[in-house]
Amino acid sequence: MQKSTYTCPKCGNRQYESFVIRTTGNFATKLFNIQNKKFTTIVCTQCRYTELYHASSSQLGNILDFFTN
């Protein structure tokens, strides 16, 4: 649990959890299960309201994902 200047827009809570998720983008990445889209999520610890922010993904991460699938 982290504390910062974040305030949940739904309930006003100031505590949150942060996670990173990766997803596929287009047909080719879905076909080969290459998860080349990266998002950071901020989840309110009280009401579970979730915000997604697009994060940059590295080419090395994409290559490693391809070989370790």
N, C-alpha and C. Protein backbone atom coordinates (compact mmCIF):
# COMPACT_ATOMS: atom_id res chain seq x y z
N MET A 1 0.85 -1.17 0.00
CA MET A 1 0.00 0.00 0.00
C MET A 1 0.90 1.24 0.00
N GLN A 2 0.58 2.20 -0.83
CA GLN A 2 1.40 3.39 -0.97
C GLN A 2 0.58 4.63 -0.62
N LYS A 3 1.28 5.67 -0.23
CA LYS A 3 0.62 6.95 0.02
C LYS A 3 1.28 7.99 -0.86
N SER A 4 0.47 8.85 -1.45
CA SER A 4 1.00 9.93 -2.28
C SER A 4 -0.06 11.00 -2.41
N THR A 5 0.05 11.80 -3.44
CA THR A 5 -0.93 12.85 -3.66
C THR A 5 -2.15 12.33 -4.42
N TYR A 6 -2.20 11.03 -4.71
CA TYR A 6 -3.34 10.44 -5.41
C TYR A 6 -4.58 10.52 -4.53
N THR A 7 -5.69 10.91 -5.15
CA THR A 7 -7.00 10.89 -4.50
C THR A 7 -7.98 10.22 -5.45
N CYS A 8 -8.66 9.18 -4.97
CA CYS A 8 -9.62 8.46 -5.79
C CYS A 8 -10.75 9.40 -6.20
N PRO A 9 -11.07 9.47 -7.49
CA PRO A 9 -12.14 10.36 -7.94
C PRO A 9 -13.54 9.89 -7.53
N LYS A 10 -13.68 8.63 -7.13
CA LYS A 10 -15.00 8.12 -6.74
C LYS A 10 -15.28 8.27 -5.25
N CYS A 11 -14.30 7.89 -4.40
CA CYS A 11 -14.59 7.85 -2.96
C CYS A 11 -13.70 8.79 -2.13
N GLY A 12 -12.68 9.39 -2.75
CA GLY A 12 -11.83 10.33 -2.02
C GLY A 12 -10.71 9.68 -1.21
N ASN A 13 -10.58 8.35 -1.27
CA ASN A 13 -9.51 7.65 -0.56
C ASN A 13 -8.15 8.04 -1.13
N ARG A 14 -7.12 8.06 -0.28
CA ARG A 14 -5.79 8.46 -0.73
C ARG A 14 -4.80 7.29 -0.81
N GLN A 15 -5.24 6.09 -0.54
CA GLN A 15 -4.35 4.94 -0.60
C GLN A 15 -4.66 4.12 -1.85
N TYR A 16 -3.60 3.58 -2.47
CA TYR A 16 -3.77 2.85 -3.72
C TYR A 16 -2.73 1.75 -3.83
N GLU A 17 -2.96 0.85 -4.77
CA GLU A 17 -1.99 -0.15 -5.16
C GLU A 17 -1.69 0.07 -6.64
N SER A 18 -0.47 -0.25 -7.03
CA SER A 18 -0.06 -0.08 -8.41
C SER A 18 0.39 -1.41 -8.99
N PHE A 19 -0.03 -1.71 -10.22
CA PHE A 19 0.34 -2.94 -10.90
C PHE A 19 0.72 -2.63 -12.34
N VAL A 20 1.41 -3.55 -12.98
CA VAL A 20 1.73 -3.45 -14.40
C VAL A 20 1.09 -4.64 -15.10
N ILE A 21 0.40 -4.36 -16.21
CA ILE A 21 -0.17 -5.44 -17.02
C ILE A 21 0.33 -5.30 -18.45
N ARG A 22 0.41 -6.42 -19.16
CA ARG A 22 0.83 -6.42 -20.55
C ARG A 22 -0.25 -7.11 -21.37
N THR A 23 -0.52 -6.57 -22.56
CA THR A 23 -1.56 -7.11 -23.43
C THR A 23 -1.06 -7.20 -24.86
N THR A 24 -1.79 -7.93 -25.70
CA THR A 24 -1.47 -7.99 -27.12
C THR A 24 -2.07 -6.78 -27.82
N GLY A 25 -1.59 -6.50 -29.02
CA GLY A 25 -2.08 -5.33 -29.74
C GLY A 25 -2.90 -5.66 -30.95
N ASN A 26 -2.28 -6.19 -32.00
CA ASN A 26 -2.99 -6.45 -33.25
C ASN A 26 -3.07 -7.95 -33.53
N PHE A 27 -3.52 -8.31 -34.71
CA PHE A 27 -3.72 -9.72 -35.06
C PHE A 27 -2.43 -10.53 -34.95
N ALA A 28 -1.33 -10.00 -35.47
CA ALA A 28 -0.06 -10.74 -35.45
C ALA A 28 0.40 -11.00 -34.02
N THR A 29 0.29 -10.01 -33.15
CA THR A 29 0.72 -10.21 -31.77
C THR A 29 -0.21 -11.16 -31.03
N LYS A 30 -1.49 -11.15 -31.40
CA LYS A 30 -2.42 -12.11 -30.81
C LYS A 30 -2.11 -13.52 -31.28
N LEU A 31 -1.80 -13.66 -32.56
CA LEU A 31 -1.50 -14.97 -33.15
C LEU A 31 -0.29 -15.61 -32.48
N PHE A 32 0.76 -14.83 -32.24
CA PHE A 32 1.98 -15.35 -31.62
C PHE A 32 2.03 -15.11 -30.12
N ASN A 33 0.96 -14.57 -29.55
CA ASN A 33 0.87 -14.27 -28.11
C ASN A 33 2.03 -13.41 -27.63
N ILE A 34 2.31 -12.35 -28.39
CA ILE A 34 3.35 -11.39 -28.01
C ILE A 34 2.65 -10.22 -27.33
N GLN A 35 2.93 -10.03 -26.08
CA GLN A 35 2.25 -8.99 -25.30
C GLN A 35 3.08 -7.71 -25.37
N ASN A 36 2.81 -6.91 -26.40
CA ASN A 36 3.64 -5.74 -26.68
C ASN A 36 3.04 -4.42 -26.18
N LYS A 37 1.91 -4.45 -25.52
CA LYS A 37 1.32 -3.24 -24.94
C LYS A 37 1.45 -3.32 -23.43
N LYS A 38 1.93 -2.25 -22.81
CA LYS A 38 2.18 -2.24 -21.37
C LYS A 38 1.37 -1.11 -20.73
N PHE A 39 0.71 -1.44 -19.61
CA PHE A 39 -0.11 -0.46 -18.90
C PHE A 39 0.22 -0.50 -17.41
N THR A 40 0.20 0.65 -16.79
CA THR A 40 0.31 0.75 -15.34
C THR A 40 -1.10 0.99 -14.81
N THR A 41 -1.48 0.25 -13.77
CA THR A 41 -2.81 0.43 -13.18
C THR A 41 -2.67 1.01 -11.79
N ILE A 42 -3.59 1.87 -11.44
CA ILE A 42 -3.71 2.44 -10.10
C ILE A 42 -5.06 1.99 -9.56
N VAL A 43 -5.07 1.25 -8.45
CA VAL A 43 -6.29 0.68 -7.90
C VAL A 43 -6.53 1.26 -6.50
N CYS A 44 -7.67 1.88 -6.30
CA CYS A 44 -8.04 2.42 -4.99
C CYS A 44 -8.21 1.24 -4.03
N THR A 45 -7.62 1.33 -2.84
CA THR A 45 -7.70 0.23 -1.88
C THR A 45 -9.06 0.15 -1.19
N GLN A 46 -9.86 1.20 -1.29
CA GLN A 46 -11.16 1.20 -0.62
C GLN A 46 -12.28 0.72 -1.55
N CYS A 47 -12.47 1.38 -2.69
CA CYS A 47 -13.60 1.05 -3.57
C CYS A 47 -13.19 0.22 -4.78
N ARG A 48 -11.89 -0.01 -4.97
CA ARG A 48 -11.31 -0.80 -6.06
C ARG A 48 -11.46 -0.14 -7.43
N TYR A 49 -11.75 1.16 -7.48
CA TYR A 49 -11.78 1.90 -8.74
C TYR A 49 -10.39 1.80 -9.37
N THR A 50 -10.33 1.54 -10.67
CA THR A 50 -9.05 1.29 -11.34
C THR A 50 -8.87 2.25 -12.51
N GLU A 51 -7.68 2.82 -12.60
CA GLU A 51 -7.30 3.67 -13.72
C GLU A 51 -6.15 3.00 -14.45
N LEU A 52 -6.17 3.04 -15.79
CA LEU A 52 -5.10 2.48 -16.61
C LEU A 52 -4.33 3.61 -17.27
N TYR A 53 -3.01 3.48 -17.27
CA TYR A 53 -2.14 4.45 -17.93
C TYR A 53 -1.23 3.69 -18.88
N HIS A 54 -1.17 4.14 -20.12
CA HIS A 54 -0.32 3.49 -21.12
C HIS A 54 1.13 3.78 -20.78
N ALA A 55 1.93 2.73 -20.70
CA ALA A 55 3.36 2.87 -20.40
C ALA A 55 4.14 2.41 -21.62
N SER A 56 5.34 2.91 -21.78
CA SER A 56 6.16 2.47 -22.90
C SER A 56 6.74 1.09 -22.60
N SER A 57 6.75 0.24 -23.62
CA SER A 57 7.33 -1.09 -23.44
C SER A 57 8.64 -1.16 -24.22
N SER A 58 9.58 -1.89 -23.68
CA SER A 58 10.90 -1.97 -24.30
C SER A 58 10.93 -3.06 -25.37
N GLN A 59 11.76 -2.88 -26.36
CA GLN A 59 11.92 -3.89 -27.41
C GLN A 59 12.50 -5.18 -26.82
N LEU A 60 13.42 -5.05 -25.86
CA LEU A 60 14.01 -6.22 -25.22
C LEU A 60 12.93 -7.03 -24.51
N GLY A 61 12.02 -6.37 -23.83
CA GLY A 61 10.91 -7.06 -23.17
C GLY A 61 10.03 -7.80 -24.16
N ASN A 62 9.80 -7.19 -25.33
CA ASN A 62 9.00 -7.85 -26.36
C ASN A 62 9.71 -9.09 -26.90
N ILE A 63 11.02 -8.99 -27.10
CA ILE A 63 11.79 -10.13 -27.62
C ILE A 63 11.81 -11.26 -26.59
N LEU A 64 12.05 -10.93 -25.34
CA LEU A 64 12.07 -11.94 -24.29
C LEU A 64 10.70 -12.60 -24.15
N ASP A 65 9.64 -11.81 -24.27
CA ASP A 65 8.28 -12.35 -24.19
C ASP A 65 8.04 -13.35 -25.31
N PHE A 66 8.55 -13.07 -26.50
CA PHE A 66 8.37 -13.96 -27.65
C PHE A 66 9.03 -15.31 -27.40
N PHE A 67 10.25 -15.31 -26.86
CA PHE A 67 10.99 -16.55 -26.66
C PHE A 67 10.61 -17.30 -25.38
N THR A 68 10.02 -16.64 -24.42
CA THR A 68 9.69 -17.31 -23.16
C THR A 68 8.22 -17.66 -23.04
N ASN A 69 7.45 -17.47 -24.10
CA ASN A 69 6.03 -17.81 -24.07
C ASN A 69 5.91 -19.26 -23.83
